[in-house]
Every structure is written in C-alpha cells, then in structure tokens.
C-alpha cells in the first residue's frame, strides 16, 4: 500500500513505459502494442499498493501468498528478493503494506521480513483484510493464486500491476497434451478461464521468465518482460568425476510438468515435497527403488547439492525461469534441460520425453570430459547474463515509481 498526498495522483500516473526504458529490460521491447512477457504463480506474497484518492492517510497494499522463510519454489525466492531489495529502496516504502493471502505457517518467522514492513496474514483476521482492501488506492500482486479469491476479486477496480510467474493456460495445455503427464497428479488448483479474466483486469503485467510465453501474445498491451535474476554464489567447477558414477539429482517442486517420474530407475537423490512424492508413488507404478528421498527444506539445500551426483534433472515443461537449473550449474552439476527451455542456446543435453531423457543421460555418460565441459561452459555463459541483480532492482523499482 502506498499513501497518496495528491488526491489526483492515481489519475496522473503514466501507464506507459517508454521505449528507452524497455530497452534496458532483458528481452524487453517498447511500444503500445508490442511488448514483452509475463508470468504468474500459485501463491500471493505480492505487494499491494493500497491508497485512496480522497484520503492522504490511505495506502497501497502489496499482495502475496509466498511465505518469506517458508520457501517452496522460485516464485517464493523472487518475492523475497522483492521484499529485500526493492521495498527498502522505495522512497515511500512506509506507505506500503504486505497482505499475505494465506494462513500463517506454523514455522513463520517475522524476523525473516524486512524491518519496518507492515504485514498481515489473511488467515489471521479476514476483517482486517477487508479494511485494508477497502481503504487502499491500488493493488500490486507479487505472487498470485491460480484460482478466484472472492475477497480480493471484489476490488478488481484497484488492480494495478501483477508479476506473473507461470501462465495457467500453458500449465493446463502441457498436462492435457502429454498423456503421461495427464495420468499424474496436477497438484496446483488452476482455474484457467478465471485466470484469463483476472490477468486482463490489471492495468499492467510483468512476465518474470527468461523464456517466451503466450501471455505476451494474449495480452500484448502494457505487458512487459523483466526476467528474474540469479546471483552466482559458488561457481563450482564441473564435477566430471561425479558424472561418471551415473547418479542423478532432482531438487524442485513435485509438479507433473517437472517430470520427476523420469528419475524412476536411476540411482540418485530427490529433494522435494514429501506429500506429492508419496502420492505419486501410491497412485502410479513409479516406485523409485534406487532414489533416495529428502524432504524439501531450504536449510538443507546446500548440503543436498553437494552430494555425489553430477547429472541434474532440469527437463521441466514450460519452465518460466528455472531457478533450480541455475542453482545446479552454480554447484557444478550438468543439467538435462527441456527442448524448449532457452531455445536460443545451442545445448547438447535436452529432453521432452522419457525416451529422450534416457538418451540424454547415456549421451552425457558416453561423452568425453572435454565435451561435457564445453556444454557446461555454454549453458553457464548463457545464464550469466541473468546475474544482474542491481539492474533488475532498478528496473522493478522504476516500474513501480512511474
């Protein structure tokens, strides 16, 4: 939420990002009808800028469903980056409020949020949520649900900007089109028709993926592409000796489109959610007899990524950004990626089916250490252009301050 001292400020906002500004966005293009991309995710941990044109004490409210210290995926990481690097540097940051549209997690640590940020969990007090929304001037979604939330939708006239981490239309298309995925669970509640109306209601949209998305084509006006960033921290060398042992690793959410079942039959490790992984084993013939399971916990991610595997399963369908793939390369793992991910990159180890995945594993094992290193250097060089935290912060901040 953000206070408005000028009663007419919301009317005077410049809705259009100039061509010069968008040229600074990775992959962005200026123009009223030809701009870049967006994406949207399962949770609401977004900032909602709430205010009122007639009351200078009313504010803007950011809205979100992610959980600061309870990270589940890349969208949660993006949201936490926003709260850490964007919100503290907004000139009127004290006028913003963070609405987290979920129940308070049992392990929530309020100290994981920036000092001074006023926040509220909808599950704590729905009346307070209603008060914030009724008094606010504008709503900005950092991380959204994929289905209708009546208490939020009631204030659709205040929807300003949404950061999209996944496009529901594409999520459903993948599951419907691939028989093997349709047989598996689709563990995110997705209301595609509603999401289309929902996304269209916002005055502006921002796709955070490095890959293209139909969301840009479907909503060509006032839709921008500002890819997520990844900051390389470890820069481990390629672990050829671990690749030779044939073990595989997987560290991501257990969504159907991420094809964790392709790990069946391999010796290796998975770091993911226990419920979905167990449900997959209980409802299918995939037993993963040689795969050791680790319950997802961000606190053990570093230890997990240092385990004795050299090949990383990152061949996810319709992956917007691929934070876990970036992490794998940072830890010196050689990833197998989806055929459509970073399609502009000439990369040898790709797969879009179980058969292709198995062939990619064999190709890696038969390739020389020199060939593997060449491929590793290529994908890392591609990723390095997204190691742009300072520029990313400036772009997002400028978008919010126009």
Protein backbone atom coordinates (compact mmCIF):
# COMPACT_ATOMS: atom_id res chain seq x y z
CA UNK A 1 0.00 0.00 0.00
CA UNK A 2 1.20 3.48 -0.64
CA UNK A 3 -0.09 6.79 0.63
CA UNK A 4 -1.25 9.41 -1.81
CA UNK A 5 -0.81 13.03 -0.77
CA UNK A 6 -2.12 14.19 -4.10
CA UNK A 7 -5.82 13.30 -4.49
CA UNK A 8 -5.39 13.08 -8.23
CA UNK A 9 -2.12 11.20 -8.24
CA UNK A 10 -3.56 7.91 -9.36
CA UNK A 11 -5.21 9.60 -12.33
CA UNK A 12 -1.99 11.25 -13.32
CA UNK A 13 0.10 8.09 -13.32
CA UNK A 14 1.90 7.41 -16.55
CA UNK A 15 0.79 3.95 -17.56
CA UNK A 16 3.17 3.53 -20.44
CA UNK A 17 6.81 2.53 -20.16
CA UNK A 18 8.82 4.38 -22.76
CA UNK A 19 10.80 2.57 -25.40
CA UNK A 20 14.04 3.85 -23.92
CA UNK A 21 13.20 2.29 -20.57
CA UNK A 22 12.17 -1.05 -22.01
CA UNK A 23 15.39 -1.26 -24.00
CA UNK A 24 17.11 -1.67 -20.65
CA UNK A 25 14.97 -4.69 -19.82
CA UNK A 26 16.48 -8.01 -20.82
CA UNK A 27 14.40 -9.13 -23.78
CA UNK A 28 12.07 -6.14 -23.47
CA UNK A 29 10.63 -4.12 -26.33
CA UNK A 30 8.90 -0.78 -26.31
CA UNK A 31 5.66 0.13 -27.96
CA UNK A 32 2.00 0.27 -27.06
CA UNK A 33 1.04 -2.97 -28.74
CA UNK A 34 4.34 -4.84 -28.96
CA UNK A 35 5.91 -5.54 -25.62
CA UNK A 36 7.49 -8.44 -23.76
CA UNK A 37 6.35 -11.13 -21.35
CA UNK A 38 4.68 -12.05 -18.04
CA UNK A 39 4.14 -14.98 -15.66
CA UNK A 40 2.05 -15.88 -12.58
CA UNK A 41 2.30 -18.40 -9.73
CA UNK A 42 0.38 -20.33 -7.04
CA UNK A 43 0.81 -18.01 -4.06
CA UNK A 44 0.05 -14.42 -3.02
CA UNK A 45 3.13 -12.87 -1.48
CA UNK A 46 2.89 -9.80 -3.57
CA UNK A 47 2.99 -6.17 -2.62
CA UNK A 48 -0.35 -4.46 -2.96
CA UNK A 49 -0.08 -0.71 -3.23
CA UNK A 50 -3.21 0.44 -1.45
CA UNK A 51 -4.38 4.01 -1.18
CA UNK A 52 -7.36 6.31 -1.62
CA UNK A 53 -7.70 9.36 -3.81
CA UNK A 54 -9.62 11.30 -1.23
CA UNK A 55 -7.75 10.40 1.93
CA UNK A 56 -4.00 11.01 2.20
CA UNK A 57 -3.82 8.50 5.07
CA UNK A 58 -4.98 5.64 2.86
CA UNK A 59 -2.30 3.43 1.39
CA UNK A 60 -1.26 0.93 -1.26
CA UNK A 61 -1.16 -2.77 -0.43
CA UNK A 62 1.14 -5.42 -1.89
CA UNK A 63 -0.43 -8.88 -2.02
CA UNK A 64 1.21 -12.27 -1.82
CA UNK A 65 0.85 -15.94 -0.98
CA UNK A 66 4.51 -16.90 -0.57
CA UNK A 67 5.98 -17.21 2.88
CA UNK A 68 9.31 -15.47 3.40
CA UNK A 69 11.19 -18.08 5.48
CA UNK A 70 8.97 -20.92 4.15
CA UNK A 71 10.33 -21.10 0.60
CA UNK A 72 8.71 -23.67 -1.70
CA UNK A 73 9.86 -22.58 -5.15
CA UNK A 74 11.33 -19.96 -7.44
CA UNK A 75 8.36 -17.60 -7.10
CA UNK A 76 8.88 -17.50 -3.34
CA UNK A 77 12.53 -16.64 -3.89
CA UNK A 78 11.55 -13.87 -6.32
CA UNK A 79 9.09 -12.45 -3.80
CA UNK A 80 11.67 -12.47 -1.03
CA UNK A 81 14.11 -10.69 -3.34
CA UNK A 82 11.47 -8.04 -3.96
CA UNK A 83 10.97 -7.52 -0.23
CA UNK A 84 14.71 -7.46 0.43
CA UNK A 85 15.98 -5.34 -2.45
CA UNK A 86 13.02 -3.37 -3.82
CA UNK A 87 10.74 -2.40 -0.95
CA UNK A 88 13.51 -0.96 1.32
CA UNK A 89 14.59 1.36 -1.50
CA UNK A 90 11.18 2.78 -2.38
CA UNK A 91 11.01 6.48 -1.38
CA UNK A 92 7.61 5.97 0.27
CA UNK A 93 8.16 2.44 1.48
CA UNK A 94 6.42 3.13 4.80
CA UNK A 95 3.21 3.70 2.90
CA UNK A 96 3.15 0.14 1.56
CA UNK A 97 1.51 -2.83 3.28
CA UNK A 98 2.10 -6.51 2.63
CA UNK A 99 -1.00 -8.70 2.51
CA UNK A 100 -0.22 -12.41 2.59
CA UNK A 101 -3.33 -14.19 1.35
CA UNK A 102 -2.98 -17.42 3.29
CA UNK A 103 -2.89 -18.89 6.76
CA UNK A 104 0.13 -18.12 8.89
CA UNK A 105 2.60 -21.04 8.61
CA UNK A 106 3.45 -22.69 11.90
CA UNK A 107 7.15 -22.06 11.30
CA UNK A 108 6.74 -18.45 10.17
CA UNK A 109 9.46 -16.16 11.48
CA UNK A 110 8.50 -12.48 11.39
CA UNK A 111 12.19 -11.59 11.51
CA UNK A 112 12.51 -13.03 8.01
CA UNK A 113 10.65 -9.97 6.70
CA UNK A 114 12.38 -6.60 6.32
CA UNK A 115 12.33 -4.45 9.43
CA UNK A 116 9.54 -1.89 9.35
CA UNK A 117 7.36 -3.69 6.78
CA UNK A 118 3.75 -3.83 7.97
CA UNK A 119 2.25 -7.19 7.03
CA UNK A 120 -0.91 -9.20 7.60
CA UNK A 121 -1.94 -12.82 7.02
CA UNK A 122 -5.49 -13.06 5.70
CA UNK A 123 -5.99 -16.19 7.77
CA UNK A 124 -5.35 -14.24 10.97
CA UNK A 125 -8.21 -11.79 10.55
CA UNK A 126 -10.39 -11.54 7.43
CA UNK A 127 -11.94 -8.31 8.72
CA UNK A 128 -8.54 -6.65 8.72
CA UNK A 129 -8.01 -7.84 5.16
CA UNK A 130 -11.31 -6.27 4.15
CA UNK A 131 -10.36 -2.99 5.84
CA UNK A 132 -7.02 -2.82 4.05
CA UNK A 133 -8.57 -3.59 0.68
CA UNK A 134 -11.46 -1.17 1.06
CA UNK A 135 -9.16 1.69 2.05
CA UNK A 136 -6.34 1.09 -0.39
CA UNK A 137 -5.69 3.01 -3.58
CA UNK A 138 -4.11 0.22 -5.62
CA UNK A 139 -3.24 -3.46 -5.53
CA UNK A 140 0.05 -4.93 -6.79
CA UNK A 141 0.42 -8.71 -6.94
CA UNK A 142 3.87 -10.15 -6.32
CA UNK A 143 2.81 -13.78 -6.36
CA UNK A 144 -0.73 -14.81 -7.16
CA UNK A 145 -3.06 -17.75 -6.76
CA UNK A 146 -4.32 -19.57 -9.86
CA UNK A 147 -7.93 -19.54 -8.76
CA UNK A 148 -10.50 -16.97 -7.69
CA UNK A 149 -10.16 -15.36 -4.29
CA UNK A 150 -13.50 -13.62 -3.75
CA UNK A 151 -12.32 -11.18 -1.11
CA UNK A 152 -9.62 -9.89 -3.45
CA UNK A 153 -11.61 -10.07 -6.69
CA UNK A 154 -14.23 -7.79 -5.14
CA UNK A 155 -11.68 -4.98 -5.52
CA UNK A 156 -10.66 -5.66 -9.11
CA UNK A 157 -11.07 -1.97 -9.93
CA UNK A 158 -7.94 -1.36 -7.85
CA UNK A 159 -5.74 -3.91 -9.64
CA UNK A 160 -2.62 -2.06 -10.79
CA UNK A 161 0.19 -4.47 -11.63
CA UNK A 162 0.76 -8.21 -11.46
CA UNK A 163 4.07 -10.07 -11.63
CA UNK A 164 3.40 -13.34 -13.44
CA UNK A 165 5.50 -16.41 -12.60
CA UNK A 166 3.56 -19.01 -14.60
CA UNK A 167 0.76 -18.76 -17.15
CA UNK A 168 -2.19 -21.04 -16.21
CA UNK A 169 -3.23 -21.51 -19.83
CA UNK A 170 0.16 -23.02 -20.64
CA UNK A 171 0.24 -25.07 -17.44
CA UNK A 172 -3.00 -26.79 -18.38
CA UNK A 173 -2.09 -27.14 -22.05
CA UNK A 174 1.01 -29.14 -21.15
CA UNK A 175 -0.86 -31.58 -18.91
CA UNK A 176 -3.70 -32.04 -21.43
CA UNK A 177 -1.34 -32.54 -24.37
CA UNK A 178 1.08 -35.04 -22.82
CA UNK A 179 -0.67 -38.36 -21.97
CA UNK A 180 1.96 -39.43 -19.46
CA UNK A 181 1.53 -36.17 -17.54
CA UNK A 182 -2.26 -36.31 -17.64
CA UNK A 183 -2.11 -39.61 -15.78
CA UNK A 184 -0.17 -37.98 -12.97
CA UNK A 185 -1.46 -35.58 -10.35
CA UNK A 186 -1.82 -31.90 -11.19
CA UNK A 187 -1.21 -30.62 -7.71
CA UNK A 188 -1.99 -26.94 -8.20
CA UNK A 189 -5.59 -25.71 -8.25
CA UNK A 190 -5.88 -23.91 -11.59
CA UNK A 191 -8.95 -22.12 -12.90
CA UNK A 192 -7.81 -21.19 -16.39
CA UNK A 193 -10.93 -19.25 -17.56
CA UNK A 194 -10.90 -17.13 -14.43
CA UNK A 195 -7.15 -16.50 -14.65
CA UNK A 196 -7.56 -15.12 -18.16
CA UNK A 197 -10.11 -12.56 -16.92
CA UNK A 198 -8.05 -11.92 -13.84
CA UNK A 199 -4.82 -11.16 -15.71
CA UNK A 200 -6.67 -8.93 -18.19
CA UNK A 201 -8.08 -6.84 -15.33
CA UNK A 202 -4.69 -5.48 -14.29
CA UNK A 203 -3.57 -2.23 -15.85
CA UNK A 204 -0.04 -3.64 -16.32
CA UNK A 205 1.54 -7.08 -16.30
CA UNK A 206 5.15 -8.21 -15.87
CA UNK A 207 6.38 -11.63 -17.03
CA UNK A 208 9.40 -12.74 -14.99
CA UNK A 209 10.52 -15.61 -17.22
CA UNK A 210 13.61 -15.80 -19.39
CA UNK A 211 11.59 -17.90 -21.83
CA UNK A 212 8.80 -16.63 -24.05
CA UNK A 213 5.17 -17.10 -23.07
CA UNK A 214 1.77 -16.85 -24.74
CA UNK A 215 0.81 -14.41 -22.03
CA UNK A 216 2.60 -11.71 -24.01
CA UNK A 217 0.81 -12.65 -27.18
CA UNK A 218 -2.56 -12.91 -25.42
CA UNK A 219 -2.14 -9.60 -23.57
CA UNK A 220 0.04 -7.50 -25.91
CA UNK A 221 -0.71 -4.09 -24.37
CA UNK A 222 1.07 -2.94 -21.23
CA UNK A 223 2.71 -6.30 -20.71
CA UNK A 224 6.45 -6.29 -20.07
CA UNK A 225 9.20 -8.86 -19.75
CA UNK A 226 11.57 -8.41 -16.83
CA UNK A 227 13.27 -11.79 -16.29
CA UNK A 228 14.17 -12.97 -12.85
CA UNK A 229 17.83 -12.82 -11.87
CA UNK A 230 20.21 -15.38 -10.44
CA UNK A 231 23.27 -14.40 -8.47
CA UNK A 232 26.05 -16.99 -8.81
CA UNK A 233 27.50 -17.67 -5.37
CA UNK A 234 29.55 -20.86 -5.54
CA UNK A 235 30.85 -21.23 -9.10
CA UNK A 236 31.86 -24.84 -8.59
CA UNK A 237 33.78 -26.41 -11.43
CA UNK A 238 32.06 -29.10 -13.47
CA UNK A 239 32.14 -32.31 -11.43
CA UNK A 240 33.12 -34.78 -14.16
CA UNK A 241 34.11 -37.44 -11.62
CA UNK A 242 30.57 -37.44 -10.18
CA UNK A 243 29.04 -37.57 -13.65
CA UNK A 244 30.99 -40.75 -14.25
CA UNK A 245 29.24 -42.54 -11.37
CA UNK A 246 25.89 -42.18 -13.20
CA UNK A 247 23.92 -40.77 -10.27
CA UNK A 248 21.19 -38.17 -10.90
CA UNK A 249 19.76 -35.40 -8.76
CA UNK A 250 16.42 -33.54 -8.67
CA UNK A 251 15.70 -30.54 -6.44
CA UNK A 252 12.40 -28.84 -7.17
CA UNK A 253 8.66 -28.98 -6.55
CA UNK A 254 6.96 -32.27 -7.37
CA UNK A 255 4.71 -30.86 -10.11
CA UNK A 256 3.53 -33.02 -13.01
CA UNK A 257 5.19 -30.76 -15.58
CA UNK A 258 8.59 -31.23 -13.90
CA UNK A 259 8.53 -34.95 -14.70
CA UNK A 260 10.13 -36.22 -11.52
CA UNK A 261 8.93 -39.69 -12.60
CA UNK A 262 11.72 -39.73 -15.19
CA UNK A 263 14.03 -40.34 -12.22
CA UNK A 264 12.46 -43.79 -11.78
CA UNK A 265 15.03 -46.49 -12.45
CA UNK A 266 18.06 -44.30 -11.80
CA UNK A 267 20.36 -44.21 -8.82
CA UNK A 268 20.21 -40.76 -7.31
CA UNK A 269 18.57 -38.27 -5.00
CA UNK A 270 15.45 -36.11 -4.93
CA UNK A 271 14.81 -33.08 -2.76
CA UNK A 272 11.10 -32.27 -2.92
CA UNK A 273 7.79 -32.26 -1.02
CA UNK A 274 7.02 -35.49 0.83
CA UNK A 275 3.26 -35.49 0.28
CA UNK A 276 3.34 -35.12 -3.51
CA UNK A 277 6.24 -37.54 -3.91
CA UNK A 278 4.50 -40.19 -1.82
CA UNK A 279 1.22 -39.57 -3.63
CA UNK A 280 2.99 -40.16 -6.94
CA UNK A 281 4.31 -43.50 -5.71
CA UNK A 282 0.93 -44.52 -4.24
CA UNK A 283 -1.09 -43.73 -7.36
CA UNK A 284 1.27 -44.94 -10.11
CA UNK A 285 3.70 -47.75 -10.82
CA UNK A 286 6.70 -45.49 -10.16
CA UNK A 287 8.48 -46.76 -7.05
CA UNK A 288 11.91 -45.09 -7.33
CA UNK A 289 13.69 -48.08 -5.76
CA UNK A 290 17.16 -46.63 -6.23
CA UNK A 291 16.35 -43.00 -5.49
CA UNK A 292 16.92 -41.58 -2.03
CA UNK A 293 14.28 -39.07 -0.95
CA UNK A 294 14.95 -35.92 1.07
CA UNK A 295 12.12 -33.78 2.44
CA UNK A 296 12.24 -30.30 0.93
CA UNK A 297 13.80 -27.80 3.28
CA UNK A 298 15.77 -24.74 2.12
CA UNK A 299 18.09 -25.22 5.09
CA UNK A 300 19.46 -28.49 3.67
CA UNK A 301 19.55 -27.44 0.01
CA UNK A 302 23.26 -26.58 0.13
CA UNK A 303 24.16 -29.96 1.64
CA UNK A 304 21.95 -31.76 -0.86
CA UNK A 305 23.54 -30.06 -3.86
CA UNK A 306 26.98 -31.16 -2.65
CA UNK A 307 26.02 -34.84 -2.70
CA UNK A 308 27.75 -37.27 -5.04
CA UNK A 309 25.70 -36.82 -8.21
CA UNK A 310 26.83 -34.98 -11.33
CA UNK A 311 23.78 -35.03 -13.62
CA UNK A 312 20.83 -32.81 -12.74
CA UNK A 313 17.27 -33.40 -13.96
CA UNK A 314 16.00 -29.97 -15.05
CA UNK A 315 13.91 -31.01 -18.08
CA UNK A 316 10.73 -29.24 -16.97
CA UNK A 317 7.88 -28.49 -19.34
CA UNK A 318 7.01 -24.79 -19.73
CA UNK A 319 9.56 -23.63 -17.18
CA UNK A 320 9.38 -19.82 -16.91
CA UNK A 321 12.82 -19.17 -15.42
CA UNK A 322 14.31 -22.33 -13.97
CA UNK A 323 15.87 -21.17 -10.70
CA UNK A 324 16.79 -24.74 -9.75
CA UNK A 325 18.58 -25.20 -13.09
CA UNK A 326 20.67 -22.10 -12.41
CA UNK A 327 21.47 -23.47 -8.96
CA UNK A 328 22.55 -26.80 -10.42
CA UNK A 329 25.09 -25.12 -12.70
CA UNK A 330 26.28 -22.95 -9.80
CA UNK A 331 27.05 -26.20 -7.92
CA UNK A 332 28.94 -27.69 -10.85
CA UNK A 333 26.20 -30.11 -11.94
CA UNK A 334 25.50 -30.81 -15.63
CA UNK A 335 21.76 -30.32 -16.26
CA UNK A 336 19.46 -32.02 -18.72
CA UNK A 337 17.03 -29.29 -19.80
CA UNK A 338 13.79 -29.32 -21.74
CA UNK A 339 13.91 -29.00 -25.51
CA UNK A 340 12.07 -25.65 -25.36
CA UNK A 341 13.94 -24.09 -22.44
CA UNK A 342 16.41 -21.39 -23.53
CA UNK A 343 15.78 -22.49 -27.11
CA UNK A 344 18.23 -19.90 -28.43
CA UNK A 345 21.03 -21.79 -26.66
CA UNK A 346 22.88 -24.48 -28.63
CA UNK A 347 22.98 -27.14 -25.92
CA UNK A 348 23.55 -30.86 -26.32
CA UNK A 349 21.61 -32.35 -23.39
CA UNK A 350 17.87 -31.79 -23.83
CA UNK A 351 14.72 -33.89 -23.50
CA UNK A 352 10.95 -33.58 -23.95
CA UNK A 353 10.04 -37.23 -23.27
CA UNK A 354 11.18 -40.10 -21.08
CA UNK A 355 12.85 -41.73 -24.08
CA UNK A 356 14.78 -38.56 -24.91
CA UNK A 357 15.69 -38.15 -21.23
CA UNK A 358 17.19 -41.64 -21.10
CA UNK A 359 19.13 -40.95 -24.28
CA UNK A 360 20.44 -37.66 -22.83
CA UNK A 361 21.71 -39.47 -19.73
CA UNK A 362 23.54 -42.01 -21.92
CA UNK A 363 24.91 -39.25 -24.15
CA UNK A 364 26.38 -37.48 -21.15
CA UNK A 365 27.97 -40.67 -19.83
CA UNK A 366 29.50 -41.57 -23.20
CA UNK A 367 30.76 -38.06 -23.94
CA UNK A 368 34.31 -37.15 -23.07
CA UNK A 369 35.14 -34.89 -20.16
CA UNK A 370 36.12 -32.21 -22.67
CA UNK A 371 32.74 -32.29 -24.46
CA UNK A 372 30.85 -32.14 -21.16
CA UNK A 373 32.93 -29.17 -20.05
CA UNK A 374 32.26 -27.37 -23.33
CA UNK A 375 28.50 -27.82 -22.88
CA UNK A 376 28.69 -26.79 -19.23
CA UNK A 377 30.55 -23.59 -20.15
CA UNK A 378 27.96 -22.80 -22.83
CA UNK A 379 24.98 -23.02 -20.53
CA UNK A 380 26.75 -21.15 -17.74
CA UNK A 381 27.70 -18.36 -20.14
CA UNK A 382 24.03 -18.12 -21.15
CA UNK A 383 22.95 -17.93 -17.52
CA UNK A 384 25.48 -15.27 -16.61
CA UNK A 385 23.52 -12.58 -18.44
CA UNK A 386 20.80 -13.03 -15.80
CA UNK A 387 23.27 -12.35 -12.99
CA UNK A 388 22.12 -8.73 -12.96
CA UNK A 389 20.67 -8.04 -9.52
CA UNK A 390 21.41 -4.30 -9.45
CA UNK A 391 19.92 -3.67 -12.89
CA UNK A 392 16.94 -5.91 -12.09
CA UNK A 393 16.29 -3.96 -8.90
CA UNK A 394 16.42 -0.66 -10.73
CA UNK A 395 14.04 -1.82 -13.46
CA UNK A 396 11.42 -3.10 -10.99
CA UNK A 397 11.77 -0.03 -8.82
CA UNK A 398 11.33 2.28 -11.82
CA UNK A 399 8.23 0.38 -12.90
CA UNK A 400 6.63 0.92 -9.51
CA UNK A 401 7.52 4.60 -9.30
CA UNK A 402 6.19 5.78 -12.63
